[in-house]
Amino acid sequence: MTTTTEPTTSAARTPGEALPRRHPARRHPLASWFAKAIVVLAVVLAAAAAGLTAASASTHNWIATGWNIHLVNQAQPGTAAHFFNTPDSYGTGSNPTTGTVTDAFRTTPTLLYTSYAQFMSDINNGAITGPYHWVLYDPEYWSRTPLAEQQDPGTYLRLFGQLAHVHGYQVIEAPARDLGNTAGSTCPKLAPETLNQWYVRCNIAGAAAAYSDVYVLQNQVNTTNLGDYQWLFSHARQQALAANSRAVVDSEVSTNYGTADQMAAAVRSVPATGFYVSITNISTACQFFQKIQAAGY
């Protein structure tokens, strides 16, 4: 530490006499302008930093299959632990008797169902013996979801959530956009509509969030078009919270759609509470997780 001393003069001063008043030096107008500019710049930079971290600060959960979490951990242990060694995140799997989480991670084990009928059968038969307190319902336009459930997602999202809650489970529901392709739907897709528009018009998000604790928007196909990604998320989130103000609203990205940079850009573009990361390419997934970790997530 440096210290400063008051300058002395050779002139004598009578004890008790006041020191002569010093007049402050006049500042050049450019110096004043420069000082104000620095203050303004600091405020702008602080606001920009707050904006960049706002989304990451509100992101609390990550979802992936337990097996994919294990594979990411093998490739990048520190990265995997950052996102998944916490009970706030979820590791999914479909075996009702075996836990989904390995590597001693604290990720919450979550039992995945693509069929309400199968879930009801497992409940009735006492088949769920694994360490599960959470279940996830993922109805899609595929053979794994019975046709009746594809045609009337609103009814089966309600039935799944109600049955799970009655039996003490907490619920994640993630109905897919492609349910709009189902023939005989109770809310058929109109000829000019996109699947995004169908999803919003039929209020699929609201139907899911009303009976779940976490709602996941399967938005991954829109990853490479941020305008569509943001549009669908904004409308789905509004509908979900209107149906259940306490619902956690997540979105999804996938290594099947876009590069790691594009996935990271999609994540940073919406204020989701969490993200489901669908992984078929471990290298791309590791790059993605490293990028968003560096961004403050």
C-alpha atoms as a PDB file:
ATOM      1  CA  MET A   1       0.000   0.000   0.000  1.00  0.00           C
ATOM      2  CA  THR A   2       1.222   3.502  -0.820  1.00  0.00           C
ATOM      3  CA  THR A   3       0.545   6.579   1.317  1.00  0.00           C
ATOM      4  CA  THR A   4       0.375  10.256   0.438  1.00  0.00           C
ATOM      5  CA  THR A   5       1.347  13.276   2.513  1.00  0.00           C
ATOM      6  CA  GLU A   6       0.135  16.837   2.364  1.00  0.00           C
ATOM      7  CA  PRO A   7       2.633  19.028   0.460  1.00  0.00           C
ATOM      8  CA  THR A   8       4.483  21.634   2.575  1.00  0.00           C
ATOM      9  CA  THR A   9       5.417  25.255   1.838  1.00  0.00           C
ATOM     10  CA  SER A  10       8.219  27.471   3.148  1.00  0.00           C
ATOM     11  CA  ALA A  11       5.789  30.196   4.225  1.00  0.00           C
ATOM     12  CA  ALA A  12       5.213  30.523   7.964  1.00  0.00           C
ATOM     13  CA  ARG A  13       1.696  30.003   9.364  1.00  0.00           C
ATOM     14  CA  THR A  14       0.348  31.296  12.633  1.00  0.00           C
ATOM     15  CA  PRO A  15      -0.888  28.486  14.917  1.00  0.00           C
ATOM     16  CA  GLY A  16      -4.655  28.099  14.514  1.00  0.00           C
ATOM     17  CA  GLU A  17      -4.674  29.981  11.233  1.00  0.00           C
ATOM     18  CA  ALA A  18      -6.796  28.337   8.603  1.00  0.00           C
ATOM     19  CA  LEU A  19      -5.089  26.784   5.682  1.00  0.00           C
ATOM     20  CA  PRO A  20      -5.510  28.741   2.499  1.00  0.00           C
ATOM     21  CA  ARG A  21      -8.370  27.435   0.358  1.00  0.00           C
ATOM     22  CA  ARG A  22      -7.259  25.576  -2.703  1.00  0.00           C
ATOM     23  CA  HIS A  23      -9.233  26.029  -5.862  1.00  0.00           C
ATOM     24  CA  PRO A  24      -9.881  22.789  -7.723  1.00  0.00           C
ATOM     25  CA  ALA A  25      -8.301  22.589 -11.108  1.00  0.00           C
ATOM     26  CA  ARG A  26     -10.716  23.135 -13.950  1.00  0.00           C
ATOM     27  CA  ARG A  27     -11.414  19.962 -15.947  1.00  0.00           C
ATOM     28  CA  HIS A  28     -11.248  20.090 -19.677  1.00  0.00           C
ATOM     29  CA  PRO A  29     -14.720  19.526 -21.257  1.00  0.00           C
ATOM     30  CA  LEU A  30     -13.414  16.463 -23.116  1.00  0.00           C
ATOM     31  CA  ALA A  31     -12.267  14.916 -19.834  1.00  0.00           C
ATOM     32  CA  SER A  32     -15.759  15.284 -18.374  1.00  0.00           C
ATOM     33  CA  TRP A  33     -17.308  13.778 -21.472  1.00  0.00           C
ATOM     34  CA  PHE A  34     -14.863  10.874 -21.395  1.00  0.00           C
ATOM     35  CA  ALA A  35     -15.608  10.137 -17.738  1.00  0.00           C
ATOM     36  CA  LYS A  36     -19.353  10.089 -18.395  1.00  0.00           C
ATOM     37  CA  ALA A  37     -18.835   7.829 -21.414  1.00  0.00           C
ATOM     38  CA  ILE A  38     -16.966   5.323 -19.272  1.00  0.00           C
ATOM     39  CA  VAL A  39     -19.838   5.219 -16.762  1.00  0.00           C
ATOM     40  CA  VAL A  40     -22.410   4.719 -19.520  1.00  0.00           C
ATOM     41  CA  LEU A  41     -20.324   1.982 -21.110  1.00  0.00           C
ATOM     42  CA  ALA A  42     -20.013   0.190 -17.772  1.00  0.00           C
ATOM     43  CA  VAL A  43     -23.802   0.268 -17.319  1.00  0.00           C
ATOM     44  CA  VAL A  44     -24.380  -1.061 -20.846  1.00  0.00           C
ATOM     45  CA  LEU A  45     -21.881  -3.868 -20.376  1.00  0.00           C
ATOM     46  CA  ALA A  46     -23.442  -4.828 -17.047  1.00  0.00           C
ATOM     47  CA  ALA A  47     -26.900  -4.952 -18.614  1.00  0.00           C
ATOM     48  CA  ALA A  48     -25.611  -7.043 -21.492  1.00  0.00           C
ATOM     49  CA  ALA A  49     -23.978  -9.454 -19.099  1.00  0.00           C
ATOM     50  CA  ALA A  50     -27.216  -9.734 -17.132  1.00  0.00           C
ATOM     51  CA  GLY A  51     -29.092 -10.523 -20.324  1.00  0.00           C
ATOM     52  CA  LEU A  52     -26.636 -13.231 -21.319  1.00  0.00           C
ATOM     53  CA  THR A  53     -26.879 -14.936 -17.957  1.00  0.00           C
ATOM     54  CA  ALA A  54     -30.607 -14.531 -17.360  1.00  0.00           C
ATOM     55  CA  ALA A  55     -31.605 -17.704 -19.187  1.00  0.00           C
ATOM     56  CA  SER A  56     -28.810 -19.786 -17.729  1.00  0.00           C
ATOM     57  CA  ALA A  57     -29.611 -18.600 -14.215  1.00  0.00           C
ATOM     58  CA  SER A  58     -33.170 -19.886 -14.557  1.00  0.00           C
ATOM     59  CA  THR A  59     -32.176 -23.286 -15.972  1.00  0.00           C
ATOM     60  CA  HIS A  60     -32.312 -25.917 -13.250  1.00  0.00           C
ATOM     61  CA  ASN A  61     -32.837 -29.354 -14.772  1.00  0.00           C
ATOM     62  CA  TRP A  62     -31.476 -31.511 -17.560  1.00  0.00           C
ATOM     63  CA  ILE A  63     -32.995 -34.753 -18.846  1.00  0.00           C
ATOM     64  CA  ALA A  64     -31.380 -37.561 -20.828  1.00  0.00           C
ATOM     65  CA  THR A  65     -31.521 -41.321 -20.835  1.00  0.00           C
ATOM     66  CA  GLY A  66     -29.524 -42.945 -18.062  1.00  0.00           C
ATOM     67  CA  TRP A  67     -27.462 -44.801 -20.655  1.00  0.00           C
ATOM     68  CA  ASN A  68     -26.568 -41.618 -22.518  1.00  0.00           C
ATOM     69  CA  ILE A  69     -25.582 -39.928 -19.272  1.00  0.00           C
ATOM     70  CA  HIS A  70     -23.259 -42.866 -18.668  1.00  0.00           C
ATOM     71  CA  LEU A  71     -21.738 -42.524 -22.141  1.00  0.00           C
ATOM     72  CA  VAL A  72     -21.189 -38.791 -21.744  1.00  0.00           C
ATOM     73  CA  ASN A  73     -19.580 -39.498 -18.384  1.00  0.00           C
ATOM     74  CA  GLN A  74     -17.184 -41.945 -19.996  1.00  0.00           C
ATOM     75  CA  ALA A  75     -16.160 -39.336 -22.561  1.00  0.00           C
ATOM     76  CA  GLN A  76     -16.225 -36.182 -20.401  1.00  0.00           C
ATOM     77  CA  PRO A  77     -16.583 -36.981 -16.681  1.00  0.00           C
ATOM     78  CA  GLY A  78     -16.425 -33.406 -15.458  1.00  0.00           C
ATOM     79  CA  THR A  79     -18.982 -32.199 -17.985  1.00  0.00           C
ATOM     80  CA  ALA A  80     -21.379 -35.052 -17.252  1.00  0.00           C
ATOM     81  CA  ALA A  81     -21.113 -34.466 -13.502  1.00  0.00           C
ATOM     82  CA  HIS A  82     -21.792 -30.747 -13.908  1.00  0.00           C
ATOM     83  CA  PHE A  83     -25.175 -31.384 -15.510  1.00  0.00           C
ATOM     84  CA  PHE A  84     -26.259 -34.728 -14.115  1.00  0.00           C
ATOM     85  CA  ASN A  85     -24.675 -35.359 -10.731  1.00  0.00           C
ATOM     86  CA  THR A  86     -27.578 -33.567  -9.105  1.00  0.00           C
ATOM     87  CA  PRO A  87     -31.089 -34.648  -8.034  1.00  0.00           C
ATOM     88  CA  ASP A  88     -32.513 -31.694  -9.978  1.00  0.00           C
ATOM     89  CA  SER A  89     -31.834 -33.534 -13.246  1.00  0.00           C
ATOM     90  CA  TYR A  90     -33.396 -36.740 -14.572  1.00  0.00           C
ATOM     91  CA  GLY A  91     -32.065 -39.975 -16.033  1.00  0.00           C
ATOM     92  CA  THR A  92     -34.703 -41.931 -17.922  1.00  0.00           C
ATOM     93  CA  GLY A  93     -35.084 -45.613 -18.744  1.00  0.00           C
ATOM     94  CA  SER A  94     -37.848 -48.118 -19.450  1.00  0.00           C
ATOM     95  CA  ASN A  95     -36.977 -51.036 -17.137  1.00  0.00           C
ATOM     96  CA  PRO A  96     -39.434 -50.987 -14.215  1.00  0.00           C
ATOM     97  CA  THR A  97     -37.251 -53.201 -12.017  1.00  0.00           C
ATOM     98  CA  THR A  98     -33.810 -51.637 -12.519  1.00  0.00           C
ATOM     99  CA  GLY A  99     -32.704 -48.093 -11.775  1.00  0.00           C
ATOM    100  CA  THR A 100     -31.763 -45.921 -14.716  1.00  0.00           C
ATOM    101  CA  VAL A 101     -28.803 -44.112 -13.136  1.00  0.00           C
ATOM    102  CA  THR A 102     -25.250 -45.425 -12.997  1.00  0.00           C
ATOM    103  CA  ASP A 103     -21.812 -44.017 -12.100  1.00  0.00           C
ATOM    104  CA  ALA A 104     -23.066 -43.103  -8.596  1.00  0.00           C
ATOM    105  CA  PHE A 105     -24.658 -39.961 -10.006  1.00  0.00           C
ATOM    106  CA  ARG A 106     -27.387 -38.274  -7.990  1.00  0.00           C
ATOM    107  CA  THR A 107     -29.589 -37.806 -11.051  1.00  0.00           C
ATOM    108  CA  THR A 108     -33.230 -38.645 -10.315  1.00  0.00           C
ATOM    109  CA  PRO A 109     -34.203 -42.047 -11.791  1.00  0.00           C
ATOM    110  CA  THR A 110     -37.239 -41.661 -14.061  1.00  0.00           C
ATOM    111  CA  LEU A 111     -39.293 -44.498 -15.549  1.00  0.00           C
ATOM    112  CA  LEU A 112     -40.195 -43.814 -19.174  1.00  0.00           C
ATOM    113  CA  TYR A 113     -43.486 -44.874 -20.788  1.00  0.00           C
ATOM    114  CA  THR A 114     -44.650 -44.397 -24.367  1.00  0.00           C
ATOM    115  CA  SER A 115     -47.980 -46.079 -23.587  1.00  0.00           C
ATOM    116  CA  TYR A 116     -50.551 -45.272 -20.933  1.00  0.00           C
ATOM    117  CA  ALA A 117     -51.932 -48.796 -21.339  1.00  0.00           C
ATOM    118  CA  GLN A 118     -48.547 -50.269 -20.398  1.00  0.00           C
ATOM    119  CA  PHE A 119     -48.232 -47.951 -17.403  1.00  0.00           C
ATOM    120  CA  MET A 120     -51.686 -48.927 -16.161  1.00  0.00           C
ATOM    121  CA  SER A 121     -50.804 -52.618 -16.583  1.00  0.00           C
ATOM    122  CA  ASP A 122     -47.560 -52.188 -14.626  1.00  0.00           C
ATOM    123  CA  ILE A 123     -49.391 -50.366 -11.848  1.00  0.00           C
ATOM    124  CA  ASN A 124     -52.096 -53.018 -11.609  1.00  0.00           C
ATOM    125  CA  ASN A 125     -49.579 -55.859 -11.628  1.00  0.00           C
ATOM    126  CA  GLY A 126     -47.117 -54.296  -9.185  1.00  0.00           C
ATOM    127  CA  ALA A 127     -44.391 -54.457 -11.829  1.00  0.00           C
ATOM    128  CA  ILE A 128     -42.624 -51.251 -10.818  1.00  0.00           C
ATOM    129  CA  THR A 129     -40.068 -52.313  -8.229  1.00  0.00           C
ATOM    130  CA  GLY A 130     -37.148 -50.063  -9.184  1.00  0.00           C
ATOM    131  CA  PRO A 131     -36.160 -46.937  -7.221  1.00  0.00           C
ATOM    132  CA  TYR A 132     -38.640 -44.662  -8.966  1.00  0.00           C
ATOM    133  CA  HIS A 133     -40.489 -41.622  -7.700  1.00  0.00           C
ATOM    134  CA  TRP A 134     -40.840 -40.060 -11.148  1.00  0.00           C
ATOM    135  CA  VAL A 135     -42.466 -41.348 -14.355  1.00  0.00           C
ATOM    136  CA  LEU A 136     -42.415 -39.843 -17.854  1.00  0.00           C
ATOM    137  CA  TYR A 137     -45.114 -40.211 -20.521  1.00  0.00           C
ATOM    138  CA  ASP A 138     -43.927 -39.781 -24.113  1.00  0.00           C
ATOM    139  CA  PRO A 139     -46.772 -40.364 -26.588  1.00  0.00           C
ATOM    140  CA  GLU A 140     -45.724 -40.034 -30.224  1.00  0.00           C
ATOM    141  CA  TYR A 141     -46.783 -40.919 -33.751  1.00  0.00           C
ATOM    142  CA  TRP A 142     -45.119 -44.332 -33.723  1.00  0.00           C
ATOM    143  CA  SER A 143     -45.865 -47.978 -33.027  1.00  0.00           C
ATOM    144  CA  ARG A 144     -44.805 -47.697 -29.373  1.00  0.00           C
ATOM    145  CA  THR A 145     -47.870 -45.584 -28.574  1.00  0.00           C
ATOM    146  CA  PRO A 146     -51.269 -47.272 -29.067  1.00  0.00           C
ATOM    147  CA  LEU A 147     -53.397 -45.715 -31.800  1.00  0.00           C
ATOM    148  CA  ALA A 148     -56.161 -44.681 -29.388  1.00  0.00           C
ATOM    149  CA  GLU A 149     -53.619 -42.704 -27.349  1.00  0.00           C
ATOM    150  CA  GLN A 150     -52.244 -41.050 -30.485  1.00  0.00           C
ATOM    151  CA  GLN A 151     -55.731 -40.059 -31.606  1.00  0.00           C
ATOM    152  CA  ASP A 152     -56.802 -38.534 -28.294  1.00  0.00           C
ATOM    153  CA  PRO A 153     -53.661 -37.251 -26.553  1.00  0.00           C
ATOM    154  CA  GLY A 154     -55.566 -34.887 -24.265  1.00  0.00           C
ATOM    155  CA  THR A 155     -57.506 -37.712 -22.633  1.00  0.00           C
ATOM    156  CA  TYR A 156     -54.502 -39.977 -22.141  1.00  0.00           C
ATOM    157  CA  LEU A 157     -52.225 -37.197 -20.876  1.00  0.00           C
ATOM    158  CA  ARG A 158     -54.870 -36.597 -18.216  1.00  0.00           C
ATOM    159  CA  LEU A 159     -55.309 -40.284 -17.400  1.00  0.00           C
ATOM    160  CA  PHE A 160     -51.567 -40.881 -17.138  1.00  0.00           C
ATOM    161  CA  GLY A 161     -51.006 -37.904 -14.854  1.00  0.00           C
ATOM    162  CA  GLN A 162     -53.954 -38.766 -12.625  1.00  0.00           C
ATOM    163  CA  LEU A 163     -52.989 -42.436 -12.273  1.00  0.00           C
ATOM    164  CA  ALA A 164     -49.378 -41.566 -11.512  1.00  0.00           C
ATOM    165  CA  HIS A 165     -50.266 -38.987  -8.877  1.00  0.00           C
ATOM    166  CA  VAL A 166     -52.753 -41.311  -7.180  1.00  0.00           C
ATOM    167  CA  HIS A 167     -49.943 -43.827  -6.764  1.00  0.00           C
ATOM    168  CA  GLY A 168     -47.491 -41.280  -5.407  1.00  0.00           C
ATOM    169  CA  TYR A 169     -45.407 -40.608  -8.502  1.00  0.00           C
ATOM    170  CA  GLN A 170     -44.378 -37.230  -9.834  1.00  0.00           C
ATOM    171  CA  VAL A 171     -44.937 -36.784 -13.535  1.00  0.00           C
ATOM    172  CA  ILE A 172     -43.134 -35.557 -16.630  1.00  0.00           C
ATOM    173  CA  GLU A 173     -45.208 -35.410 -19.827  1.00  0.00           C
ATOM    174  CA  ALA A 174     -43.685 -34.878 -23.263  1.00  0.00           C
ATOM    175  CA  PRO A 175     -46.272 -35.236 -26.058  1.00  0.00           C
ATOM    176  CA  ALA A 176     -44.723 -35.029 -29.531  1.00  0.00           C
ATOM    177  CA  ARG A 177     -45.615 -32.622 -32.319  1.00  0.00           C
ATOM    178  CA  ASP A 178     -45.950 -35.487 -34.773  1.00  0.00           C
ATOM    179  CA  LEU A 179     -49.153 -36.647 -33.059  1.00  0.00           C
ATOM    180  CA  GLY A 180     -50.724 -34.182 -35.465  1.00  0.00           C
ATOM    181  CA  ASN A 181     -50.069 -36.708 -38.260  1.00  0.00           C
ATOM    182  CA  THR A 182     -52.355 -39.310 -36.678  1.00  0.00           C
ATOM    183  CA  ALA A 183     -55.382 -40.252 -38.765  1.00  0.00           C
ATOM    184  CA  GLY A 184     -58.677 -40.064 -36.891  1.00  0.00           C
ATOM    185  CA  SER A 185     -57.414 -37.528 -34.364  1.00  0.00           C
ATOM    186  CA  THR A 186     -59.915 -35.860 -32.070  1.00  0.00           C
ATOM    187  CA  CYS A 187     -58.220 -32.607 -33.115  1.00  0.00           C
ATOM    188  CA  PRO A 188     -57.178 -33.220 -36.721  1.00  0.00           C
ATOM    189  CA  LYS A 189     -54.479 -31.147 -38.393  1.00  0.00           C
ATOM    190  CA  LEU A 190     -55.973 -28.801 -40.946  1.00  0.00           C
ATOM    191  CA  ALA A 191     -54.629 -28.852 -44.489  1.00  0.00           C
ATOM    192  CA  PRO A 192     -52.678 -25.555 -44.408  1.00  0.00           C
ATOM    193  CA  GLU A 193     -51.270 -26.054 -40.916  1.00  0.00           C
ATOM    194  CA  THR A 194     -47.744 -26.925 -39.920  1.00  0.00           C
ATOM    195  CA  LEU A 195     -47.252 -29.312 -37.006  1.00  0.00           C
ATOM    196  CA  ASN A 196     -46.160 -26.345 -34.915  1.00  0.00           C
ATOM    197  CA  GLN A 197     -49.443 -24.581 -35.624  1.00  0.00           C
ATOM    198  CA  TRP A 198     -51.466 -27.739 -34.991  1.00  0.00           C
ATOM    199  CA  TYR A 199     -49.728 -28.263 -31.644  1.00  0.00           C
ATOM    200  CA  VAL A 200     -50.647 -24.758 -30.508  1.00  0.00           C
ATOM    201  CA  ARG A 201     -54.216 -24.732 -31.887  1.00  0.00           C
ATOM    202  CA  CYS A 202     -55.020 -28.024 -30.170  1.00  0.00           C
ATOM    203  CA  ASN A 203     -53.407 -26.824 -26.915  1.00  0.00           C
ATOM    204  CA  ILE A 204     -51.311 -29.944 -26.483  1.00  0.00           C
ATOM    205  CA  ALA A 205     -49.010 -28.124 -24.065  1.00  0.00           C
ATOM    206  CA  GLY A 206     -51.902 -27.149 -21.833  1.00  0.00           C
ATOM    207  CA  ALA A 207     -53.289 -30.677 -21.849  1.00  0.00           C
ATOM    208  CA  ALA A 208     -49.914 -32.036 -20.733  1.00  0.00           C
ATOM    209  CA  ALA A 209     -49.035 -29.390 -18.149  1.00  0.00           C
ATOM    210  CA  ALA A 210     -52.439 -29.578 -16.460  1.00  0.00           C
ATOM    211  CA  TYR A 211     -51.678 -33.074 -15.138  1.00  0.00           C
ATOM    212  CA  SER A 212     -47.894 -33.070 -14.812  1.00  0.00           C
ATOM    213  CA  ASP A 213     -45.163 -31.583 -12.667  1.00  0.00           C
ATOM    214  CA  VAL A 214     -42.736 -31.088 -15.551  1.00  0.00           C
ATOM    215  CA  TYR A 215     -43.858 -30.499 -19.128  1.00  0.00           C
ATOM    216  CA  VAL A 216     -41.350 -31.043 -21.966  1.00  0.00           C
ATOM    217  CA  LEU A 217     -41.882 -29.439 -25.363  1.00  0.00           C
ATOM    218  CA  GLN A 218     -40.449 -31.687 -28.069  1.00  0.00           C
ATOM    219  CA  ASN A 219     -39.101 -28.728 -30.008  1.00  0.00           C
ATOM    220  CA  GLN A 220     -35.916 -30.357 -31.301  1.00  0.00           C
ATOM    221  CA  VAL A 221     -36.867 -30.477 -34.972  1.00  0.00           C
ATOM    222  CA  ASN A 222     -36.916 -26.651 -34.952  1.00  0.00           C
ATOM    223  CA  THR A 223     -33.363 -26.355 -33.620  1.00  0.00           C
ATOM    224  CA  THR A 224     -31.897 -25.086 -36.890  1.00  0.00           C
ATOM    225  CA  ASN A 225     -34.565 -22.390 -37.241  1.00  0.00           C
ATOM    226  CA  LEU A 226     -34.438 -20.196 -34.144  1.00  0.00           C
ATOM    227  CA  GLY A 227     -37.515 -18.256 -35.217  1.00  0.00           C
ATOM    228  CA  ASP A 228     -39.638 -21.422 -35.223  1.00  0.00           C
ATOM    229  CA  TYR A 229     -37.955 -22.729 -32.061  1.00  0.00           C
ATOM    230  CA  GLN A 230     -38.754 -19.533 -30.179  1.00  0.00           C
ATOM    231  CA  TRP A 231     -42.266 -19.192 -31.623  1.00  0.00           C
ATOM    232  CA  LEU A 232     -43.348 -22.678 -30.602  1.00  0.00           C
ATOM    233  CA  PHE A 233     -41.726 -22.463 -27.183  1.00  0.00           C
ATOM    234  CA  SER A 234     -43.304 -19.079 -26.444  1.00  0.00           C
ATOM    235  CA  HIS A 235     -46.819 -20.261 -27.312  1.00  0.00           C
ATOM    236  CA  ALA A 236     -46.468 -23.671 -25.654  1.00  0.00           C
ATOM    237  CA  ARG A 237     -45.064 -22.139 -22.470  1.00  0.00           C
ATOM    238  CA  GLN A 238     -47.939 -19.657 -22.290  1.00  0.00           C
ATOM    239  CA  GLN A 239     -50.502 -22.457 -22.684  1.00  0.00           C
ATOM    240  CA  ALA A 240     -48.736 -24.712 -20.190  1.00  0.00           C
ATOM    241  CA  LEU A 241     -48.610 -22.056 -17.476  1.00  0.00           C
ATOM    242  CA  ALA A 242     -52.215 -21.054 -18.143  1.00  0.00           C
ATOM    243  CA  ALA A 243     -53.221 -24.654 -17.455  1.00  0.00           C
ATOM    244  CA  ASN A 244     -50.901 -25.097 -14.465  1.00  0.00           C
ATOM    245  CA  SER A 245     -49.096 -22.074 -13.062  1.00  0.00           C
ATOM    246  CA  ARG A 246     -46.770 -24.348 -11.052  1.00  0.00           C
ATOM    247  CA  ALA A 247     -45.665 -26.465 -13.995  1.00  0.00           C
ATOM    248  CA  VAL A 248     -41.984 -26.629 -14.868  1.00  0.00           C
ATOM    249  CA  VAL A 249     -41.647 -25.945 -18.604  1.00  0.00           C
ATOM    250  CA  ASP A 250     -38.752 -27.599 -20.443  1.00  0.00           C
ATOM    251  CA  SER A 251     -37.753 -27.707 -24.086  1.00  0.00           C
ATOM    252  CA  GLU A 252     -35.751 -30.240 -26.102  1.00  0.00           C
ATOM    253  CA  VAL A 253     -32.708 -30.341 -28.339  1.00  0.00           C
ATOM    254  CA  SER A 254     -31.249 -33.342 -30.137  1.00  0.00           C
ATOM    255  CA  THR A 255     -27.986 -34.336 -31.770  1.00  0.00           C
ATOM    256  CA  ASN A 256     -30.155 -35.423 -34.717  1.00  0.00           C
ATOM    257  CA  TYR A 257     -30.968 -31.790 -35.493  1.00  0.00           C
ATOM    258  CA  GLY A 258     -28.170 -29.302 -36.012  1.00  0.00           C
ATOM    259  CA  THR A 259     -24.609 -28.948 -34.829  1.00  0.00           C
ATOM    260  CA  ALA A 260     -23.454 -28.477 -31.263  1.00  0.00           C
ATOM    261  CA  ASP A 261     -23.342 -24.730 -31.933  1.00  0.00           C
ATOM    262  CA  GLN A 262     -26.911 -24.727 -33.250  1.00  0.00           C
ATOM    263  CA  MET A 263     -28.122 -26.768 -30.283  1.00  0.00           C
ATOM    264  CA  ALA A 264     -26.444 -24.336 -27.898  1.00  0.00           C
ATOM    265  CA  ALA A 265     -27.947 -21.372 -29.735  1.00  0.00           C
ATOM    266  CA  ALA A 266     -31.427 -22.906 -29.431  1.00  0.00           C
ATOM    267  CA  VAL A 267     -30.967 -23.460 -25.694  1.00  0.00           C
ATOM    268  CA  ARG A 268     -29.816 -19.887 -25.173  1.00  0.00           C
ATOM    269  CA  SER A 269     -32.721 -18.491 -27.205  1.00  0.00           C
ATOM    270  CA  VAL A 270     -35.570 -19.498 -24.849  1.00  0.00           C
ATOM    271  CA  PRO A 271     -36.240 -19.114 -21.101  1.00  0.00           C
ATOM    272  CA  ALA A 272     -36.901 -22.810 -20.439  1.00  0.00           C
ATOM    273  CA  THR A 273     -36.595 -24.116 -16.886  1.00  0.00           C
ATOM    274  CA  GLY A 274     -34.740 -27.153 -18.234  1.00  0.00           C
ATOM    275  CA  PHE A 275     -33.914 -29.148 -21.328  1.00  0.00           C
ATOM    276  CA  TYR A 276     -34.298 -32.702 -22.531  1.00  0.00           C
ATOM    277  CA  VAL A 277     -31.220 -33.638 -24.555  1.00  0.00           C
ATOM    278  CA  SER A 278     -31.826 -36.464 -27.014  1.00  0.00           C
ATOM    279  CA  ILE A 279     -28.478 -38.053 -27.844  1.00  0.00           C
ATOM    280  CA  THR A 280     -27.486 -40.308 -30.720  1.00  0.00           C
ATOM    281  CA  ASN A 281     -24.027 -38.805 -31.235  1.00  0.00           C
ATOM    282  CA  ILE A 282     -21.938 -38.682 -28.054  1.00  0.00           C
ATOM    283  CA  SER A 283     -19.227 -36.478 -29.565  1.00  0.00           C
ATOM    284  CA  THR A 284     -21.755 -33.821 -30.588  1.00  0.00           C
ATOM    285  CA  ALA A 285     -23.452 -34.074 -27.199  1.00  0.00           C
ATOM    286  CA  CYS A 286     -20.164 -33.532 -25.349  1.00  0.00           C
ATOM    287  CA  GLN A 287     -19.366 -30.493 -27.496  1.00  0.00           C
ATOM    288  CA  PHE A 288     -22.849 -29.114 -26.821  1.00  0.00           C
ATOM    289  CA  PHE A 289     -22.601 -29.576 -23.056  1.00  0.00           C
ATOM    290  CA  GLN A 290     -19.155 -27.966 -22.974  1.00  0.00           C
ATOM    291  CA  LYS A 291     -20.400 -24.956 -24.912  1.00  0.00           C
ATOM    292  CA  ILE A 292     -23.377 -24.268 -22.691  1.00  0.00           C
ATOM    293  CA  GLN A 293     -21.372 -24.908 -19.543  1.00  0.00           C
ATOM    294  CA  ALA A 294     -18.946 -22.258 -20.746  1.00  0.00           C
ATOM    295  CA  ALA A 295     -21.945 -19.966 -21.305  1.00  0.00           C
ATOM    296  CA  GLY A 296     -22.874 -20.215 -17.639  1.00  0.00           C
ATOM    297  CA  TYR A 297     -25.419 -23.032 -17.563  1.00  0.00           C
END
